[in-house]
Amino acid sequence: MSFDSIEDLQAIAEELPNAPTEFKFEATTVQTIIAPNGIQFGVIEAKSSFTNTSGGEIGIYQKQVFFKAKTGTQSIVFTTIDGLKEITLSAFDAMLETISLIAE
């Protein structure tokens, strides 16, 4: 995967609705970022929802982060319900800043 453009990320994002999962995610944001630690990440944010047993619609937020490692492209996926996104996403983003790639 190249991070020179977002074409590879866009291709992954376009396949999200077709993924074999109970939740059909729809990409809302596709971008590349450079974290404060200097590592370049590809980021796909997506949304989905489900109906709970009371008949209420529950929104789901997902953030997929991709980065290059010696063994190829690695990814980390964060998924939560919308109601917990605001209090948990900052911890996930802070974790990303601690990633460091080890040279051989």
PDB file of N, CA and C in Angstrom:
ATOM      1  N   MET A   1       0.848  -1.178   0.000  1.00  0.00           N
ATOM      2  CA  MET A   1       0.000   0.000   0.000  1.00  0.00           C
ATOM      3  C   MET A   1       0.890   1.236   0.000  1.00  0.00           C
ATOM      4  N   SER A   2       0.579   2.139  -0.879  1.00  0.00           N
ATOM      5  CA  SER A   2       1.318   3.389  -0.974  1.00  0.00           C
ATOM      6  C   SER A   2       0.510   4.489  -0.305  1.00  0.00           C
ATOM      7  N   PHE A   3       1.209   5.361   0.395  1.00  0.00           N
ATOM      8  CA  PHE A   3       0.533   6.504   0.991  1.00  0.00           C
ATOM      9  C   PHE A   3       0.818   7.772   0.205  1.00  0.00           C
ATOM     10  N   ASP A   4       1.364   7.622  -1.013  1.00  0.00           N
ATOM     11  CA  ASP A   4       1.621   8.778  -1.857  1.00  0.00           C
ATOM     12  C   ASP A   4       0.315   9.410  -2.325  1.00  0.00           C
ATOM     13  N   SER A   5      -0.727   8.616  -2.413  1.00  0.00           N
ATOM     14  CA  SER A   5      -2.058   9.113  -2.721  1.00  0.00           C
ATOM     15  C   SER A   5      -3.039   8.294  -1.889  1.00  0.00           C
ATOM     16  N   ILE A   6      -4.297   8.697  -1.912  1.00  0.00           N
ATOM     17  CA  ILE A   6      -5.271   7.956  -1.109  1.00  0.00           C
ATOM     18  C   ILE A   6      -6.016   6.913  -1.930  1.00  0.00           C
ATOM     19  N   GLU A   7      -5.539   6.610  -3.132  1.00  0.00           N
ATOM     20  CA  GLU A   7      -6.235   5.666  -4.002  1.00  0.00           C
ATOM     21  C   GLU A   7      -6.390   4.286  -3.367  1.00  0.00           C
ATOM     22  N   ASP A   8      -5.323   3.755  -2.728  1.00  0.00           N
ATOM     23  CA  ASP A   8      -5.423   2.448  -2.082  1.00  0.00           C
ATOM     24  C   ASP A   8      -6.433   2.477  -0.948  1.00  0.00           C
ATOM     25  N   LEU A   9      -6.409   3.547  -0.148  1.00  0.00           N
ATOM     26  CA  LEU A   9      -7.368   3.669   0.953  1.00  0.00           C
ATOM     27  C   LEU A   9      -8.789   3.796   0.410  1.00  0.00           C
ATOM     28  N   GLN A  10      -8.942   4.558  -0.662  1.00  0.00           N
ATOM     29  CA  GLN A  10     -10.273   4.733  -1.244  1.00  0.00           C
ATOM     30  C   GLN A  10     -10.812   3.393  -1.729  1.00  0.00           C
ATOM     31  N   ALA A  11      -9.954   2.542  -2.304  1.00  0.00           N
ATOM     32  CA  ALA A  11     -10.390   1.220  -2.765  1.00  0.00           C
ATOM     33  C   ALA A  11     -10.876   0.372  -1.597  1.00  0.00           C
ATOM     34  N   ILE A  12     -10.175   0.430  -0.452  1.00  0.00           N
ATOM     35  CA  ILE A  12     -10.606  -0.301   0.739  1.00  0.00           C
ATOM     36  C   ILE A  12     -11.945   0.255   1.232  1.00  0.00           C
ATOM     37  N   ALA A  13     -12.051   1.575   1.278  1.00  0.00           N
ATOM     38  CA  ALA A  13     -13.279   2.217   1.762  1.00  0.00           C
ATOM     39  C   ALA A  13     -14.471   1.843   0.906  1.00  0.00           C
ATOM     40  N   GLU A  14     -14.267   1.740  -0.406  1.00  0.00           N
ATOM     41  CA  GLU A  14     -15.373   1.399  -1.300  1.00  0.00           C
ATOM     42  C   GLU A  14     -15.865  -0.028  -1.092  1.00  0.00           C
ATOM     43  N   GLU A  15     -15.025  -0.899  -0.544  1.00  0.00           N
ATOM     44  CA  GLU A  15     -15.409  -2.289  -0.303  1.00  0.00           C
ATOM     45  C   GLU A  15     -16.083  -2.507   1.053  1.00  0.00           C
ATOM     46  N   LEU A  16     -16.069  -1.508   1.928  1.00  0.00           N
ATOM     47  CA  LEU A  16     -16.652  -1.668   3.264  1.00  0.00           C
ATOM     48  C   LEU A  16     -18.106  -2.148   3.235  1.00  0.00           C
ATOM     49  N   PRO A  17     -18.962  -1.595   2.397  1.00  0.00           N
ATOM     50  CA  PRO A  17     -20.352  -2.086   2.399  1.00  0.00           C
ATOM     51  C   PRO A  17     -20.481  -3.554   1.977  1.00  0.00           C
ATOM     52  N   ASN A  18     -19.489  -4.092   1.290  1.00  0.00           N
ATOM     53  CA  ASN A  18     -19.538  -5.473   0.822  1.00  0.00           C
ATOM     54  C   ASN A  18     -18.848  -6.457   1.759  1.00  0.00           C
ATOM     55  N   ALA A  19     -18.289  -5.967   2.844  1.00  0.00           N
ATOM     56  CA  ALA A  19     -17.553  -6.835   3.775  1.00  0.00           C
ATOM     57  C   ALA A  19     -18.503  -7.850   4.407  1.00  0.00           C
ATOM     58  N   PRO A  20     -18.017  -9.097   4.608  1.00  0.00           N
ATOM     59  CA  PRO A  20     -18.878 -10.140   5.200  1.00  0.00           C
ATOM     60  C   PRO A  20     -19.002  -9.956   6.708  1.00  0.00           C
ATOM     61  N   THR A  21     -19.847  -9.064   7.122  1.00  0.00           N
ATOM     62  CA  THR A  21     -20.052  -8.778   8.535  1.00  0.00           C
ATOM     63  C   THR A  21     -21.528  -8.464   8.773  1.00  0.00           C
ATOM     64  N   GLU A  22     -21.931  -8.593   9.991  1.00  0.00           N
ATOM     65  CA  GLU A  22     -23.310  -8.278  10.345  1.00  0.00           C
ATOM     66  C   GLU A  22     -23.598  -6.791  10.152  1.00  0.00           C
ATOM     67  N   PHE A  23     -22.590  -5.963  10.383  1.00  0.00           N
ATOM     68  CA  PHE A  23     -22.744  -4.516  10.242  1.00  0.00           C
ATOM     69  C   PHE A  23     -22.189  -4.093   8.893  1.00  0.00           C
ATOM     70  N   LYS A  24     -22.961  -3.367   8.130  1.00  0.00           N
ATOM     71  CA  LYS A  24     -22.525  -2.857   6.834  1.00  0.00           C
ATOM     72  C   LYS A  24     -22.028  -1.429   7.035  1.00  0.00           C
ATOM     73  N   PHE A  25     -20.713  -1.276   7.055  1.00  0.00           N
ATOM     74  CA  PHE A  25     -20.126   0.040   7.268  1.00  0.00           C
ATOM     75  C   PHE A  25     -20.069   0.834   5.972  1.00  0.00           C
ATOM     76  N   GLU A  26     -20.218   2.144   6.119  1.00  0.00           N
ATOM     77  CA  GLU A  26     -20.124   3.081   5.010  1.00  0.00           C
ATOM     78  C   GLU A  26     -19.021   4.077   5.349  1.00  0.00           C
ATOM     79  N   ALA A  27     -18.043   4.227   4.469  1.00  0.00           N
ATOM     80  CA  ALA A  27     -16.944   5.153   4.718  1.00  0.00           C
ATOM     81  C   ALA A  27     -17.453   6.587   4.717  1.00  0.00           C
ATOM     82  N   THR A  28     -17.004   7.361   5.716  1.00  0.00           N
ATOM     83  CA  THR A  28     -17.381   8.774   5.798  1.00  0.00           C
ATOM     84  C   THR A  28     -16.190   9.686   5.546  1.00  0.00           C
ATOM     85  N   THR A  29     -14.974   9.207   5.844  1.00  0.00           N
ATOM     86  CA  THR A  29     -13.755   9.986   5.654  1.00  0.00           C
ATOM     87  C   THR A  29     -12.630   9.057   5.233  1.00  0.00           C
ATOM     88  N   VAL A  30     -11.858   9.481   4.234  1.00  0.00           N
ATOM     89  CA  VAL A  30     -10.665   8.756   3.802  1.00  0.00           C
ATOM     90  C   VAL A  30      -9.558   9.791   3.670  1.00  0.00           C
ATOM     91  N   GLN A  31      -8.449   9.589   4.414  1.00  0.00           N
ATOM     92  CA  GLN A  31      -7.373  10.570   4.375  1.00  0.00           C
ATOM     93  C   GLN A  31      -6.045   9.963   4.788  1.00  0.00           C
ATOM     94  N   THR A  32      -4.982  10.669   4.507  1.00  0.00           N
ATOM     95  CA  THR A  32      -3.679  10.305   5.059  1.00  0.00           C
ATOM     96  C   THR A  32      -3.260  11.424   5.999  1.00  0.00           C
ATOM     97  N   ILE A  33      -2.606  11.038   7.086  1.00  0.00           N
ATOM     98  CA  ILE A  33      -2.132  12.017   8.070  1.00  0.00           C
ATOM     99  C   ILE A  33      -0.710  11.665   8.472  1.00  0.00           C
ATOM    100  N   ILE A  34      -0.010  12.634   8.980  1.00  0.00           N
ATOM    101  CA  ILE A  34       1.296  12.390   9.592  1.00  0.00           C
ATOM    102  C   ILE A  34       1.143  12.741  11.065  1.00  0.00           C
ATOM    103  N   ALA A  35       1.325  11.735  11.908  1.00  0.00           N
ATOM    104  CA  ALA A  35       1.172  11.920  13.354  1.00  0.00           C
ATOM    105  C   ALA A  35       2.329  12.763  13.898  1.00  0.00           C
ATOM    106  N   PRO A  36       2.171  13.331  15.087  1.00  0.00           N
ATOM    107  CA  PRO A  36       3.255  14.112  15.687  1.00  0.00           C
ATOM    108  C   PRO A  36       4.565  13.326  15.820  1.00  0.00           C
ATOM    109  N   ASN A  37       4.473  11.984  15.880  1.00  0.00           N
ATOM    110  CA  ASN A  37       5.685  11.176  15.987  1.00  0.00           C
ATOM    111  C   ASN A  37       6.342  10.943  14.624  1.00  0.00           C
ATOM    112  N   GLY A  38       5.762  11.530  13.545  1.00  0.00           N
ATOM    113  CA  GLY A  38       6.359  11.460  12.220  1.00  0.00           C
ATOM    114  C   GLY A  38       5.915  10.287  11.369  1.00  0.00           C
ATOM    115  N   ILE A  39       5.113   9.392  11.892  1.00  0.00           N
ATOM    116  CA  ILE A  39       4.649   8.230  11.133  1.00  0.00           C
ATOM    117  C   ILE A  39       3.438   8.631  10.299  1.00  0.00           C
ATOM    118  N   GLN A  40       3.447   8.200   9.042  1.00  0.00           N
ATOM    119  CA  GLN A  40       2.336   8.476   8.148  1.00  0.00           C
ATOM    120  C   GLN A  40       1.304   7.354   8.276  1.00  0.00           C
ATOM    121  N   PHE A  41       0.055   7.756   8.422  1.00  0.00           N
ATOM    122  CA  PHE A  41      -1.049   6.820   8.554  1.00  0.00           C
ATOM    123  C   PHE A  41      -2.077   7.062   7.453  1.00  0.00           C
ATOM    124  N   GLY A  42      -2.697   5.990   6.998  1.00  0.00           N
ATOM    125  CA  GLY A  42      -3.901   6.085   6.191  1.00  0.00           C
ATOM    126  C   GLY A  42      -5.065   5.889   7.138  1.00  0.00           C
ATOM    127  N   VAL A  43      -6.094   6.687   7.006  1.00  0.00           N
ATOM    128  CA  VAL A  43      -7.218   6.644   7.951  1.00  0.00           C
ATOM    129  C   VAL A  43      -8.537   6.539   7.186  1.00  0.00           C
ATOM    130  N   ILE A  44      -9.345   5.571   7.580  1.00  0.00           N
ATOM    131  CA  ILE A  44     -10.711   5.458   7.062  1.00  0.00           C
ATOM    132  C   ILE A  44     -11.653   5.499   8.261  1.00  0.00           C
ATOM    133  N   GLU A  45     -12.564   6.468   8.255  1.00  0.00           N
ATOM    134  CA  GLU A  45     -13.603   6.521   9.269  1.00  0.00           C
ATOM    135  C   GLU A  45     -14.892   6.046   8.608  1.00  0.00           C
ATOM    136  N   ALA A  46     -15.669   5.272   9.343  1.00  0.00           N
ATOM    137  CA  ALA A  46     -16.892   4.693   8.783  1.00  0.00           C
ATOM    138  C   ALA A  46     -17.998   4.686   9.825  1.00  0.00           C
ATOM    139  N   LYS A  47     -19.222   4.494   9.332  1.00  0.00           N
ATOM    140  CA  LYS A  47     -20.373   4.424  10.245  1.00  0.00           C
ATOM    141  C   LYS A  47     -21.255   3.254   9.848  1.00  0.00           C
ATOM    142  N   SER A  48     -22.012   2.791  10.817  1.00  0.00           N
ATOM    143  CA  SER A  48     -23.003   1.751  10.619  1.00  0.00           C
ATOM    144  C   SER A  48     -24.020   1.913  11.733  1.00  0.00           C
ATOM    145  N   SER A  49     -24.964   0.996  11.819  1.00  0.00           N
ATOM    146  CA  SER A  49     -25.935   1.036  12.917  1.00  0.00           C
ATOM    147  C   SER A  49     -26.599  -0.322  13.038  1.00  0.00           C
ATOM    148  N   PHE A  50     -27.294  -0.497  14.143  1.00  0.00           N
ATOM    149  CA  PHE A  50     -28.096  -1.696  14.357  1.00  0.00           C
ATOM    150  C   PHE A  50     -29.298  -1.324  15.210  1.00  0.00           C
ATOM    151  N   THR A  51     -30.281  -2.187  15.202  1.00  0.00           N
ATOM    152  CA  THR A  51     -31.474  -1.981  16.012  1.00  0.00           C
ATOM    153  C   THR A  51     -31.354  -2.835  17.263  1.00  0.00           C
ATOM    154  N   ASN A  52     -31.461  -2.205  18.439  1.00  0.00           N
ATOM    155  CA  ASN A  52     -31.360  -2.969  19.679  1.00  0.00           C
ATOM    156  C   ASN A  52     -32.675  -3.689  19.972  1.00  0.00           C
ATOM    157  N   THR A  53     -32.688  -4.448  21.050  1.00  0.00           N
ATOM    158  CA  THR A  53     -33.873  -5.260  21.368  1.00  0.00           C
ATOM    159  C   THR A  53     -35.100  -4.424  21.705  1.00  0.00           C
ATOM    160  N   SER A  54     -34.893  -3.152  22.046  1.00  0.00           N
ATOM    161  CA  SER A  54     -36.022  -2.252  22.327  1.00  0.00           C
ATOM    162  C   SER A  54     -36.516  -1.550  21.071  1.00  0.00           C
ATOM    163  N   GLY A  55     -35.876  -1.833  19.942  1.00  0.00           N
ATOM    164  CA  GLY A  55     -36.286  -1.198  18.696  1.00  0.00           C
ATOM    165  C   GLY A  55     -35.588   0.107  18.404  1.00  0.00           C
ATOM    166  N   GLY A  56     -34.647   0.496  19.259  1.00  0.00           N
ATOM    167  CA  GLY A  56     -33.914   1.742  19.037  1.00  0.00           C
ATOM    168  C   GLY A  56     -32.740   1.554  18.091  1.00  0.00           C
ATOM    169  N   GLU A  57     -32.473   2.571  17.304  1.00  0.00           N
ATOM    170  CA  GLU A  57     -31.353   2.549  16.361  1.00  0.00           C
ATOM    171  C   GLU A  57     -30.088   3.022  17.078  1.00  0.00           C
ATOM    172  N   ILE A  58     -29.049   2.185  17.045  1.00  0.00           N
ATOM    173  CA  ILE A  58     -27.775   2.499  17.695  1.00  0.00           C
ATOM    174  C   ILE A  58     -26.714   2.708  16.619  1.00  0.00           C
ATOM    175  N   GLY A  59     -26.110   3.884  16.611  1.00  0.00           N
ATOM    176  CA  GLY A  59     -25.059   4.185  15.647  1.00  0.00           C
ATOM    177  C   GLY A  59     -23.734   3.578  16.070  1.00  0.00           C
ATOM    178  N   ILE A  60     -22.946   3.162  15.088  1.00  0.00           N
ATOM    179  CA  ILE A  60     -21.623   2.592  15.340  1.00  0.00           C
ATOM    180  C   ILE A  60     -20.600   3.406  14.567  1.00  0.00           C
ATOM    181  N   TYR A  61     -19.489   3.720  15.230  1.00  0.00           N
ATOM    182  CA  TYR A  61     -18.385   4.458  14.617  1.00  0.00           C
ATOM    183  C   TYR A  61     -17.183   3.528  14.518  1.00  0.00           C
ATOM    184  N   GLN A  62     -16.467   3.599  13.395  1.00  0.00           N
ATOM    185  CA  GLN A  62     -15.260   2.792  13.243  1.00  0.00           C
ATOM    186  C   GLN A  62     -14.162   3.648  12.613  1.00  0.00           C
ATOM    187  N   LYS A  63     -12.958   3.479  13.147  1.00  0.00           N
ATOM    188  CA  LYS A  63     -11.785   4.164  12.598  1.00  0.00           C
ATOM    189  C   LYS A  63     -10.732   3.097  12.314  1.00  0.00           C
ATOM    190  N   GLN A  64     -10.355   2.971  11.049  1.00  0.00           N
ATOM    191  CA  GLN A  64      -9.314   2.035  10.645  1.00  0.00           C
ATOM    192  C   GLN A  64      -8.067   2.851  10.320  1.00  0.00           C
ATOM    193  N   VAL A  65      -6.943   2.433  10.884  1.00  0.00           N
ATOM    194  CA  VAL A  65      -5.689   3.138  10.662  1.00  0.00           C
ATOM    195  C   VAL A  65      -4.698   2.156  10.059  1.00  0.00           C
ATOM    196  N   PHE A  66      -4.037   2.570   8.985  1.00  0.00           N
ATOM    197  CA  PHE A  66      -3.077   1.739   8.271  1.00  0.00           C
ATOM    198  C   PHE A  66      -1.711   2.413   8.311  1.00  0.00           C
ATOM    199  N   PHE A  67      -0.658   1.619   8.453  1.00  0.00           N
ATOM    200  CA  PHE A  67       0.693   2.166   8.387  1.00  0.00           C
ATOM    201  C   PHE A  67       1.652   1.113   7.862  1.00  0.00           C
ATOM    202  N   LYS A  68       2.759   1.582   7.314  1.00  0.00           N
ATOM    203  CA  LYS A  68       3.755   0.681   6.745  1.00  0.00           C
ATOM    204  C   LYS A  68       4.672   0.164   7.845  1.00  0.00           C
ATOM    205  N   ALA A  69       4.946  -1.124   7.801  1.00  0.00           N
ATOM    206  CA  ALA A  69       5.896  -1.767   8.708  1.00  0.00           C
ATOM    207  C   ALA A  69       6.830  -2.615   7.854  1.00  0.00           C
ATOM    208  N   LYS A  70       7.865  -3.159   8.465  1.00  0.00           N
ATOM    209  CA  LYS A  70       8.822  -3.982   7.712  1.00  0.00           C
ATOM    210  C   LYS A  70       8.128  -5.152   7.017  1.00  0.00           C
ATOM    211  N   THR A  71       7.105  -5.695   7.638  1.00  0.00           N
ATOM    212  CA  THR A  71       6.439  -6.884   7.097  1.00  0.00           C
ATOM    213  C   THR A  71       5.312  -6.544   6.135  1.00  0.00           C
ATOM    214  N   GLY A  72       5.087  -5.283   5.849  1.00  0.00           N
ATOM    215  CA  GLY A  72       4.003  -4.877   4.963  1.00  0.00           C
ATOM    216  C   GLY A  72       3.127  -3.833   5.628  1.00  0.00           C
ATOM    217  N   THR A  73       1.901  -3.763   5.220  1.00  0.00           N
ATOM    218  CA  THR A  73       0.966  -2.799   5.789  1.00  0.00           C
ATOM    219  C   THR A  73       0.267  -3.413   6.993  1.00  0.00           C
ATOM    220  N   GLN A  74       0.250  -2.679   8.088  1.00  0.00           N
ATOM    221  CA  GLN A  74      -0.431  -3.105   9.312  1.00  0.00           C
ATOM    222  C   GLN A  74      -1.653  -2.215   9.519  1.00  0.00           C
ATOM    223  N   SER A  75      -2.616  -2.716  10.253  1.00  0.00           N
ATOM    224  CA  SER A  75      -3.789  -1.895  10.544  1.00  0.00           C
ATOM    225  C   SER A  75      -4.242  -2.105  11.985  1.00  0.00           C
ATOM    226  N   ILE A  76      -4.872  -1.068  12.487  1.00  0.00           N
ATOM    227  CA  ILE A  76      -5.484  -1.094  13.813  1.00  0.00           C
ATOM    228  C   ILE A  76      -6.905  -0.570  13.619  1.00  0.00           C
ATOM    229  N   VAL A  77      -7.890  -1.268  14.190  1.00  0.00           N
ATOM    230  CA  VAL A  77      -9.284  -0.878  14.009  1.00  0.00           C
ATOM    231  C   VAL A  77      -9.906  -0.559  15.363  1.00  0.00           C
ATOM    232  N   PHE A  78     -10.550   0.593  15.437  1.00  0.00           N
ATOM    233  CA  PHE A  78     -11.261   1.042  16.637  1.00  0.00           C
ATOM    234  C   PHE A  78     -12.745   1.104  16.294  1.00  0.00           C
ATOM    235  N   THR A  79     -13.570   0.420  17.065  1.00  0.00           N
ATOM    236  CA  THR A  79     -15.017   0.410  16.836  1.00  0.00           C
ATOM    237  C   THR A  79     -15.727   0.677  18.153  1.00  0.00           C
ATOM    238  N   THR A  80     -16.714   1.556  18.129  1.00  0.00           N
ATOM    239  CA  THR A  80     -17.486   1.860  19.327  1.00  0.00           C
ATOM    240  C   THR A  80     -18.873   2.348  18.925  1.00  0.00           C
ATOM    241  N   ILE A  81     -19.779   2.363  19.877  1.00  0.00           N
ATOM    242  CA  ILE A  81     -21.088   2.958  19.614  1.00  0.00           C
ATOM    243  C   ILE A  81     -20.936   4.477  19.684  1.00  0.00           C
ATOM    244  N   ASP A  82     -21.795   5.173  18.956  1.00  0.00           N
ATOM    245  CA  ASP A  82     -21.693   6.630  18.893  1.00  0.00           C
ATOM    246  C   ASP A  82     -21.687   7.283  20.268  1.00  0.00           C
ATOM    247  N   GLY A  83     -22.434   6.765  21.201  1.00  0.00           N
ATOM    248  CA  GLY A  83     -22.521   7.358  22.524  1.00  0.00           C
ATOM    249  C   GLY A  83     -21.215   7.334  23.312  1.00  0.00           C
ATOM    250  N   LEU A  84     -20.297   6.455  22.949  1.00  0.00           N
ATOM    251  CA  LEU A  84     -19.012   6.375  23.646  1.00  0.00           C
ATOM    252  C   LEU A  84     -17.860   6.972  22.838  1.00  0.00           C
ATOM    253  N   LYS A  85     -18.126   7.354  21.610  1.00  0.00           N
ATOM    254  CA  LYS A  85     -17.068   7.861  20.729  1.00  0.00           C
ATOM    255  C   LYS A  85     -16.331   9.051  21.337  1.00  0.00           C
ATOM    256  N   GLU A  86     -17.070  10.017  21.825  1.00  0.00           N
ATOM    257  CA  GLU A  86     -16.449  11.248  22.333  1.00  0.00           C
ATOM    258  C   GLU A  86     -15.507  11.011  23.511  1.00  0.00           C
ATOM    259  N   ILE A  87     -15.791  10.005  24.334  1.00  0.00           N
ATOM    260  CA  ILE A  87     -14.937   9.792  25.506  1.00  0.00           C
ATOM    261  C   ILE A  87     -13.846   8.744  25.280  1.00  0.00           C
ATOM    262  N   THR A  88     -13.924   7.984  24.187  1.00  0.00           N
ATOM    263  CA  THR A  88     -12.927   6.930  23.969  1.00  0.00           C
ATOM    264  C   THR A  88     -11.995   7.184  22.782  1.00  0.00           C
ATOM    265  N   LEU A  89     -12.428   7.967  21.810  1.00  0.00           N
ATOM    266  CA  LEU A  89     -11.613   8.184  20.613  1.00  0.00           C
ATOM    267  C   LEU A  89     -10.290   8.866  20.924  1.00  0.00           C
ATOM    268  N   SER A  90     -10.276   9.774  21.870  1.00  0.00           N
ATOM    269  CA  SER A  90      -9.018  10.466  22.199  1.00  0.00           C
ATOM    270  C   SER A  90      -7.976   9.492  22.747  1.00  0.00           C
ATOM    271  N   ALA A  91      -8.405   8.470  23.473  1.00  0.00           N
ATOM    272  CA  ALA A  91      -7.460   7.463  23.981  1.00  0.00           C
ATOM    273  C   ALA A  91      -6.878   6.650  22.819  1.00  0.00           C
ATOM    274  N   PHE A  92      -7.706   6.321  21.846  1.00  0.00           N
ATOM    275  CA  PHE A  92      -7.226   5.597  20.661  1.00  0.00           C
ATOM    276  C   PHE A  92      -6.229   6.459  19.894  1.00  0.00           C
ATOM    277  N   ASP A  93      -6.567   7.719  19.657  1.00  0.00           N
ATOM    278  CA  ASP A  93      -5.659   8.614  18.941  1.00  0.00           C
ATOM    279  C   ASP A  93      -4.345   8.807  19.697  1.00  0.00           C
ATOM    280  N   ALA A  94      -4.407   8.880  21.025  1.00  0.00           N
ATOM    281  CA  ALA A  94      -3.192   9.001  21.825  1.00  0.00           C
ATOM    282  C   ALA A  94      -2.331   7.745  21.697  1.00  0.00           C
ATOM    283  N   MET A  95      -2.969   6.587  21.621  1.00  0.00           N
ATOM    284  CA  MET A  95      -2.229   5.337  21.447  1.00  0.00           C
ATOM    285  C   MET A  95      -1.460   5.342  20.133  1.00  0.00           C
ATOM    286  N   LEU A  96      -2.073   5.878  19.079  1.00  0.00           N
ATOM    287  CA  LEU A  96      -1.400   5.931  17.782  1.00  0.00           C
ATOM    288  C   LEU A  96      -0.097   6.723  17.853  1.00  0.00           C
ATOM    289  N   GLU A  97      -0.088   7.754  18.678  1.00  0.00           N
ATOM    290  CA  GLU A  97       1.102   8.586  18.810  1.00  0.00           C
ATOM    291  C   GLU A  97       2.251   7.847  19.494  1.00  0.00           C
ATOM    292  N   THR A  98       1.970   6.723  20.136  1.00  0.00           N
ATOM    293  CA  THR A  98       3.032   5.959  20.805  1.00  0.00           C
ATOM    294  C   THR A  98       3.660   4.909  19.900  1.00  0.00           C
ATOM    295  N   ILE A  99       3.105   4.712  18.701  1.00  0.00           N
ATOM    296  CA  ILE A  99       3.657   3.725  17.782  1.00  0.00           C
ATOM    297  C   ILE A  99       5.011   4.181  17.284  1.00  0.00           C
ATOM    298  N   SER A 100       5.965   3.300  17.335  1.00  0.00           N
ATOM    299  CA  SER A 100       7.281   3.588  16.744  1.00  0.00           C
ATOM    300  C   SER A 100       7.723   2.367  15.956  1.00  0.00           C
ATOM    301  N   LEU A 101       8.320   2.624  14.818  1.00  0.00           N
ATOM    302  CA  LEU A 101       8.791   1.546  13.968  1.00  0.00           C
ATOM    303  C   LEU A 101      10.244   1.276  14.291  1.00  0.00           C
ATOM    304  N   ILE A 102      10.586   0.009  14.474  1.00  0.00           N
ATOM    305  CA  ILE A 102      11.937  -0.388  14.854  1.00  0.00           C
ATOM    306  C   ILE A 102      12.710  -0.758  13.590  1.00  0.00           C
ATOM    307  N   ALA A 103      13.863  -0.162  13.413  1.00  0.00           N
ATOM    308  CA  ALA A 103      14.701  -0.464  12.263  1.00  0.00           C
ATOM    309  C   ALA A 103      15.427  -1.779  12.515  1.00  0.00           C
ATOM    310  N   GLU A 104      15.767  -2.487  11.416  1.00  0.00           N
ATOM    311  CA  GLU A 104      16.487  -3.756  11.550  1.00  0.00           C
ATOM    312  C   GLU A 104      17.891  -3.524  12.011  1.00  0.00           C
TER     313      GLU A 104
END
